[in-house]
Amino acid sequence: MYRLFETIKIIDGMICNIGFHNARFNHARAALCGCSEHTALEDFINLPPEYRKGVVKCKIVYSQDIETVEYARYEKRAIRSLRIVTDDEIDYSSKYYDRSGIDKLMGSRNGCDDIIIVKNGVMTDSSFSNLVFDDGKNLLTPATPLLQGTMRAQLLSEGIIAAEEIRPKDLKLFQSVYLVNAMLDLYECKVGIGSIRR
């Protein structure tokens, strides 16, 4: 049985982007576990008093059923450099609890803070986030990410970013890249193109 998880941002007790989390959660349970009933994740979030102020990371682990709900203060990682690594076999199409394939690729970052994974010749994701490239006019996200992230989905739905196939040779067209995920909004984590290593 597959084990998966959702990471949800909570700010001052308010659950962020829950519609996109519910959509991904229910899709994964249907596709991988054969569960057809719709479940609302917010029904399982009972925030302890000590986590009702500030930014909190809620981690929900599940398979057919929800196994655990954990809370922690959010601490943003400092990402200043990225290493391009290639893996044409990696699969992270759902938010699997087992991240051993990604962890193995992180071993090739050679002093950089994180990686950009190239699969079948195109950019996908970093080890923990989707990517948004900025050319000074447009904000573009890789068309084939490893994982359909919830923040990426929100930004696409609002027309703030557009999806396009991006190859390593295209890096020269951009000024910077933003890392986005459930905990990181657009513009919160910026890396200059000159800080991407091959």
Foldseek 3Di string as FASTA:
>chain_A
DFKFKDKWKAALNRTPLQVLVQVQVQVCQCVQVVDDDRDRVVVVDDDDPVPNHGIKIWMWMDHNHTDDIDIDHDDDDAFAAEEEDEDQPDAPAHRTPDLVVLVVVQVVRVPGPWYFYDHPQFTADISAFWKWFALPPATETEQHHNYPASLNVVCVVVVRHYYDTHGPVCLVSTQWMAGDHNRDHPPRHIYGSVRYHD
